[in-house]
C-alpha atoms as a PDB file:
ATOM      1  CA  MET A   1       0.050   0.187   0.037  1.00  0.00           C
ATOM      2  CA  ARG A   2       2.785   2.174   0.653  1.00  0.00           C
ATOM      3  CA  PHE A   3       3.831   2.500  -2.950  1.00  0.00           C
ATOM      4  CA  LEU A   4       0.202   3.211  -3.873  1.00  0.00           C
ATOM      5  CA  TRP A   5       0.017   6.001  -1.236  1.00  0.00           C
ATOM      6  CA  LYS A   6       3.252   7.629  -2.579  1.00  0.00           C
ATOM      7  CA  LEU A   7       1.945   7.431  -5.831  1.00  0.00           C
ATOM      8  CA  TYR A   8      -1.333   8.882  -4.708  1.00  0.00           C
ATOM      9  CA  PHE A   9       0.645  11.978  -3.169  1.00  0.00           C
ATOM     10  CA  LEU A  10       2.691  12.157  -6.335  1.00  0.00           C
ATOM     11  CA  LEU A  11      -0.206  12.545  -8.503  1.00  0.00           C
ATOM     12  CA  THR A  12      -2.387  14.790  -6.264  1.00  0.00           C
ATOM     13  CA  GLY A  13       0.717  17.067  -5.286  1.00  0.00           C
ATOM     14  CA  TRP A  14       0.947  16.522  -1.432  1.00  0.00           C
ATOM     15  CA  LYS A  15       4.045  16.489   0.144  1.00  0.00           C
ATOM     16  CA  ILE A  16       5.125  15.811   3.641  1.00  0.00           C
ATOM     17  CA  ARG A  17       7.339  19.012   4.789  1.00  0.00           C
ATOM     18  CA  ASP A  18       8.694  17.681   8.146  1.00  0.00           C
ATOM     19  CA  PRO A  19       9.996  14.577   9.556  1.00  0.00           C
ATOM     20  CA  PHE A  20       7.755  12.521  12.058  1.00  0.00           C
ATOM     21  CA  PRO A  21       9.371  11.780  15.358  1.00  0.00           C
ATOM     22  CA  SER A  22       9.272   8.348  15.140  1.00  0.00           C
ATOM     23  CA  TYR A  23      11.838   8.116  18.043  1.00  0.00           C
ATOM     24  CA  ILE A  24       8.723   8.752  20.318  1.00  0.00           C
ATOM     25  CA  PRO A  25       7.080   5.378  21.247  1.00  0.00           C
ATOM     26  CA  LYS A  26       3.897   7.162  22.757  1.00  0.00           C
ATOM     27  CA  ALA A  27       2.028  10.493  21.989  1.00  0.00           C
ATOM     28  CA  VAL A  28      -1.137  12.200  21.153  1.00  0.00           C
ATOM     29  CA  VAL A  29      -1.097  13.442  17.547  1.00  0.00           C
ATOM     30  CA  ILE A  30      -3.570  16.246  16.970  1.00  0.00           C
ATOM     31  CA  VAL A  31      -4.335  16.764  13.369  1.00  0.00           C
ATOM     32  CA  ALA A  32      -5.914  20.097  12.118  1.00  0.00           C
ATOM     33  CA  PRO A  33      -7.555  21.684  10.660  1.00  0.00           C
ATOM     34  CA  HIS A  34     -10.327  18.929  10.337  1.00  0.00           C
ATOM     35  CA  THR A  35     -12.699  20.494   7.825  1.00  0.00           C
ATOM     36  CA  CYS A  36     -13.714  17.628   5.378  1.00  0.00           C
ATOM     37  CA  ALA A  37     -13.605  13.736   4.926  1.00  0.00           C
ATOM     38  CA  ALA A  38     -10.712  14.043   2.600  1.00  0.00           C
ATOM     39  CA  ASP A  39      -8.528  14.782   5.708  1.00  0.00           C
ATOM     40  CA  PHE A  40      -8.836  10.977   6.573  1.00  0.00           C
ATOM     41  CA  VAL A  41      -7.562   9.807   3.192  1.00  0.00           C
ATOM     42  CA  VAL A  42      -4.634  12.380   3.145  1.00  0.00           C
ATOM     43  CA  GLY A  43      -3.850  11.122   6.816  1.00  0.00           C
ATOM     44  CA  ILE A  44      -3.850   7.352   6.020  1.00  0.00           C
ATOM     45  CA  ALA A  45      -1.772   7.959   3.143  1.00  0.00           C
ATOM     46  CA  ALA A  46       0.746  10.032   5.296  1.00  0.00           C
ATOM     47  CA  LYS A  47       0.704   7.237   7.882  1.00  0.00           C
ATOM     48  CA  SER A  48       1.621   4.713   5.318  1.00  0.00           C
ATOM     49  CA  ILE A  49       4.268   6.912   3.682  1.00  0.00           C
ATOM     50  CA  LEU A  50       6.059   7.672   7.144  1.00  0.00           C
ATOM     51  CA  ARG A  51       5.448   4.153   8.227  1.00  0.00           C
ATOM     52  CA  ILE A  52       3.998   4.893  11.316  1.00  0.00           C
ATOM     53  CA  ASN A  53       2.347   1.591  12.337  1.00  0.00           C
ATOM     54  CA  ASP A  54       1.265   2.424  15.855  1.00  0.00           C
ATOM     55  CA  ALA A  55      -1.057   4.936  15.046  1.00  0.00           C
ATOM     56  CA  HIS A  56      -4.526   4.680  16.289  1.00  0.00           C
ATOM     57  CA  TYR A  57      -7.920   7.081  16.098  1.00  0.00           C
ATOM     58  CA  PHE A  58     -11.173   7.442  17.316  1.00  0.00           C
ATOM     59  CA  GLY A  59     -14.137   7.474  15.264  1.00  0.00           C
ATOM     60  CA  LYS A  60     -17.820   7.968  15.311  1.00  0.00           C
ATOM     61  CA  GLU A  61     -19.312   4.288  16.060  1.00  0.00           C
ATOM     62  CA  GLU A  62     -21.350   4.625  12.882  1.00  0.00           C
ATOM     63  CA  LEU A  63     -18.392   4.341  10.682  1.00  0.00           C
ATOM     64  CA  PHE A  64     -17.551   1.088  12.163  1.00  0.00           C
ATOM     65  CA  LYS A  65     -21.046  -0.710  11.229  1.00  0.00           C
ATOM     66  CA  GLY A  66     -21.778  -1.699   7.559  1.00  0.00           C
ATOM     67  CA  PRO A  67     -19.906  -2.989   4.578  1.00  0.00           C
ATOM     68  CA  PHE A  68     -17.133  -0.524   4.923  1.00  0.00           C
ATOM     69  CA  SER A  69     -16.322  -1.089   8.766  1.00  0.00           C
ATOM     70  CA  PHE A  70     -13.180  -3.340   7.959  1.00  0.00           C
ATOM     71  CA  ILE A  71     -11.488  -0.180   6.589  1.00  0.00           C
ATOM     72  CA  PHE A  72     -11.898   1.778   9.714  1.00  0.00           C
ATOM     73  CA  LYS A  73     -10.754  -1.215  11.996  1.00  0.00           C
ATOM     74  CA  ALA A  74      -7.730  -2.134   9.560  1.00  0.00           C
ATOM     75  CA  THR A  75      -6.557   1.771   9.690  1.00  0.00           C
ATOM     76  CA  GLY A  76      -6.259   1.665  13.481  1.00  0.00           C
ATOM     77  CA  GLY A  77      -9.752   3.049  14.241  1.00  0.00           C
ATOM     78  CA  PHE A  78     -11.695   2.667  17.737  1.00  0.00           C
ATOM     79  CA  PRO A  79     -15.336   3.138  17.568  1.00  0.00           C
ATOM     80  CA  VAL A  80     -16.731   5.764  20.059  1.00  0.00           C
ATOM     81  CA  ASN A  81     -20.193   6.942  20.864  1.00  0.00           C
ATOM     82  CA  ARG A  82     -20.034  10.829  20.588  1.00  0.00           C
ATOM     83  CA  PHE A  83     -23.417  11.185  22.625  1.00  0.00           C
ATOM     84  CA  ASP A  84     -22.185   8.719  25.636  1.00  0.00           C
ATOM     85  CA  HIS A  85     -19.266   9.939  27.282  1.00  0.00           C
ATOM     86  CA  HIS A  86     -17.806   6.984  29.373  1.00  0.00           C
ATOM     87  CA  ASN A  87     -14.869   8.627  30.633  1.00  0.00           C
ATOM     88  CA  MET A  88     -12.917   8.653  27.468  1.00  0.00           C
ATOM     89  CA  VAL A  89      -9.876  10.150  28.827  1.00  0.00           C
ATOM     90  CA  ASP A  90      -9.253   7.326  31.224  1.00  0.00           C
ATOM     91  CA  GLN A  91      -9.979   4.816  28.506  1.00  0.00           C
ATOM     92  CA  ALA A  92      -7.512   6.405  26.417  1.00  0.00           C
ATOM     93  CA  VAL A  93      -4.792   6.468  28.985  1.00  0.00           C
ATOM     94  CA  ALA A  94      -5.456   2.836  29.605  1.00  0.00           C
ATOM     95  CA  MET A  95      -4.644   2.291  26.199  1.00  0.00           C
ATOM     96  CA  PHE A  96      -1.257   3.931  26.270  1.00  0.00           C
ATOM     97  CA  GLN A  97      -0.564   2.013  29.705  1.00  0.00           C
ATOM     98  CA  ASN A  98      -1.040  -1.443  27.667  1.00  0.00           C
ATOM     99  CA  HIS A  99       1.120  -0.645  24.809  1.00  0.00           C
ATOM    100  CA  SER A 100       4.714  -0.243  24.508  1.00  0.00           C
ATOM    101  CA  ARG A 101       4.238   1.774  21.477  1.00  0.00           C
ATOM    102  CA  PHE A 102       0.902   3.794  20.993  1.00  0.00           C
ATOM    103  CA  LEU A 103       0.053   7.042  19.015  1.00  0.00           C
ATOM    104  CA  LEU A 104      -3.375   8.326  19.258  1.00  0.00           C
ATOM    105  CA  ALA A 105      -4.456  10.960  16.509  1.00  0.00           C
ATOM    106  CA  LEU A 106      -7.269  13.116  17.354  1.00  0.00           C
ATOM    107  CA  SER A 107      -8.870  16.086  15.896  1.00  0.00           C
ATOM    108  CA  PRO A 108      -8.567  18.883  18.407  1.00  0.00           C
ATOM    109  CA  GLU A 109     -11.892  20.307  16.905  1.00  0.00           C
ATOM    110  CA  GLY A 110     -13.706  16.833  17.292  1.00  0.00           C
ATOM    111  CA  THR A 111     -15.910  17.818  14.302  1.00  0.00           C
ATOM    112  CA  ARG A 112     -15.814  18.994  10.909  1.00  0.00           C
ATOM    113  CA  LYS A 113     -17.909  21.936  11.470  1.00  0.00           C
ATOM    114  CA  LYS A 114     -16.558  25.314  12.591  1.00  0.00           C
ATOM    115  CA  VAL A 115     -15.910  25.566  16.222  1.00  0.00           C
ATOM    116  CA  GLU A 116     -15.766  28.462  18.732  1.00  0.00           C
ATOM    117  CA  ARG A 117     -13.207  26.632  20.928  1.00  0.00           C
ATOM    118  CA  LEU A 118     -11.080  23.501  20.815  1.00  0.00           C
ATOM    119  CA  ARG A 119     -11.969  20.326  22.757  1.00  0.00           C
ATOM    120  CA  THR A 120      -9.741  19.543  25.804  1.00  0.00           C
ATOM    121  CA  GLY A 121     -10.160  15.802  25.789  1.00  0.00           C
ATOM    122  CA  PHE A 122      -6.721  15.270  23.711  1.00  0.00           C
ATOM    123  CA  TYR A 123      -4.959  17.665  26.167  1.00  0.00           C
ATOM    124  CA  HIS A 124      -6.091  15.668  29.389  1.00  0.00           C
ATOM    125  CA  ILE A 125      -5.234  12.502  27.746  1.00  0.00           C
ATOM    126  CA  ALA A 126      -1.898  13.508  27.091  1.00  0.00           C
ATOM    127  CA  LYS A 127      -1.263  15.076  30.482  1.00  0.00           C
ATOM    128  CA  LYS A 128      -2.738  12.116  32.254  1.00  0.00           C
ATOM    129  CA  ALA A 129      -0.901   9.418  30.149  1.00  0.00           C
ATOM    130  CA  GLY A 130       2.525  11.554  30.561  1.00  0.00           C
ATOM    131  CA  VAL A 131       2.956  11.564  26.747  1.00  0.00           C
ATOM    132  CA  PRO A 132       3.831  14.306  24.387  1.00  0.00           C
ATOM    133  CA  ILE A 133       1.489  16.149  22.057  1.00  0.00           C
ATOM    134  CA  ILE A 134       2.613  16.078  18.301  1.00  0.00           C
ATOM    135  CA  MET A 135       0.805  18.863  15.982  1.00  0.00           C
ATOM    136  CA  VAL A 136       0.092  17.776  12.514  1.00  0.00           C
ATOM    137  CA  GLY A 137      -1.350  20.400  10.280  1.00  0.00           C
ATOM    138  CA  PHE A 138      -3.000  19.375   6.682  1.00  0.00           C
ATOM    139  CA  ASP A 139      -2.631  22.706   4.423  1.00  0.00           C
ATOM    140  CA  PHE A 140      -4.982  22.107   1.508  1.00  0.00           C
ATOM    141  CA  SER A 141      -3.680  25.532  -0.057  1.00  0.00           C
ATOM    142  CA  LYS A 142      -0.047  24.259  -0.340  1.00  0.00           C
ATOM    143  CA  LYS A 143      -1.123  20.533  -0.346  1.00  0.00           C
ATOM    144  CA  GLU A 144       1.540  20.226   2.500  1.00  0.00           C
ATOM    145  CA  ILE A 145       1.596  18.236   5.869  1.00  0.00           C
ATOM    146  CA  THR A 146       3.481  20.007   8.672  1.00  0.00           C
ATOM    147  CA  ILE A 147       4.754  18.317  11.754  1.00  0.00           C
ATOM    148  CA  ALA A 148       5.668  20.345  14.954  1.00  0.00           C
ATOM    149  CA  GLU A 149       8.063  19.581  17.365  1.00  0.00           C
ATOM    150  CA  PRO A 150       6.591  17.420  20.102  1.00  0.00           C
ATOM    151  CA  PHE A 151       5.825  19.270  23.419  1.00  0.00           C
ATOM    152  CA  TYR A 152       4.395  18.065  26.950  1.00  0.00           C
ATOM    153  CA  ALA A 153       1.173  19.638  28.227  1.00  0.00           C
ATOM    154  CA  GLY A 154       2.443  22.143  31.193  1.00  0.00           C
ATOM    155  CA  SER A 155       0.903  23.642  34.150  1.00  0.00           C
ATOM    156  CA  ASP A 156      -0.569  26.545  32.199  1.00  0.00           C
ATOM    157  CA  GLU A 157      -3.444  25.119  30.040  1.00  0.00           C
ATOM    158  CA  THR A 158      -4.518  28.616  28.768  1.00  0.00           C
ATOM    159  CA  ALA A 159      -0.796  29.194  27.454  1.00  0.00           C
ATOM    160  CA  ASP A 160      -0.531  25.824  25.830  1.00  0.00           C
ATOM    161  CA  PHE A 161      -3.844  26.154  23.936  1.00  0.00           C
ATOM    162  CA  LYS A 162      -2.537  29.592  22.835  1.00  0.00           C
ATOM    163  CA  TYR A 163       0.289  27.861  21.465  1.00  0.00           C
ATOM    164  CA  ILE A 164      -1.584  25.141  19.671  1.00  0.00           C
ATOM    165  CA  ILE A 165      -4.100  27.702  18.019  1.00  0.00           C
ATOM    166  CA  ASN A 166      -1.169  29.729  16.881  1.00  0.00           C
ATOM    167  CA  TYR A 167       0.321  27.011  15.314  1.00  0.00           C
ATOM    168  CA  PHE A 168      -2.736  25.779  13.425  1.00  0.00           C
ATOM    169  CA  ALA A 169      -4.356  29.272  12.744  1.00  0.00           C
ATOM    170  CA  PRO A 170      -2.454  29.925   9.490  1.00  0.00           C
ATOM    171  CA  ILE A 171      -2.945  26.262   8.013  1.00  0.00           C
ATOM    172  CA  LYS A 172      -5.814  26.232   5.458  1.00  0.00           C
ATOM    173  CA  GLY A 173      -7.996  23.198   5.299  1.00  0.00           C
ATOM    174  CA  LYS A 174      -9.920  22.145   2.481  1.00  0.00           C
ATOM    175  CA  PHE A 175     -12.738  24.347   3.366  1.00  0.00           C
ATOM    176  CA  GLN A 176     -10.810  27.394   4.835  1.00  0.00           C
ATOM    177  CA  GLU A 177     -14.079  29.052   6.531  1.00  0.00           C
ATOM    178  CA  LEU A 178     -14.175  26.143   8.699  1.00  0.00           C
ATOM    179  CA  GLY A 179     -10.348  26.515   9.975  1.00  0.00           C
ATOM    180  CA  LEU A 180      -9.151  27.779  13.109  1.00  0.00           C
ATOM    181  CA  SER A 181      -7.805  31.132  12.222  1.00  0.00           C
ATOM    182  CA  HIS A 182     -10.615  32.994  14.046  1.00  0.00           C
ATOM    183  CA  LEU A 183      -9.656  31.128  17.328  1.00  0.00           C
ATOM    184  CA  GLN A 184      -6.466  33.007  17.321  1.00  0.00           C
ATOM    185  CA  THR A 185      -8.393  36.332  18.660  1.00  0.00           C
ATOM    186  CA  THR A 186     -11.396  34.795  20.501  1.00  0.00           C
ATOM    187  CA  GLN A 187      -9.414  31.828  22.684  1.00  0.00           C
ATOM    188  CA  PRO A 188      -7.748  32.908  25.636  1.00  0.00           C
END
């Protein structure tokens, strides 16, 4: 599959600008802006090209039912009920504790719609599991994937979220109006 994904990137013009810190065995990987379903395809392609074998993600449980559910399971997905919060932070932390290598990819928005603030679950998962956060941007205007240096959640959550928003704000999703640039001025 790696060859096919490389061919896909070549034909569509996508490139990966930064190396992925593969020396880190466990991390929460936040990918943004999440504005369309095409983000999934770009992400799966990048995962294969970068040889990231231990990456997993949460997806709405509806994706894991029906004839195409095998795709989501095969690509590292875990189904979650979006309306029934059974302490997802503790469940995710347990996943980190039960694996020697584990990357959890999440959208900090939690949806493809425009948001007025980022979700905090990814942050609390990283902090409670004691793992770094790696920010990955999908810039559709440049057809470029950027990967930031890993960082650990600190004691100042407001400062950490400002740092995250400042990283993602200039990155243009496929539907730019759904991106995160407006949060640069509204989020503390």
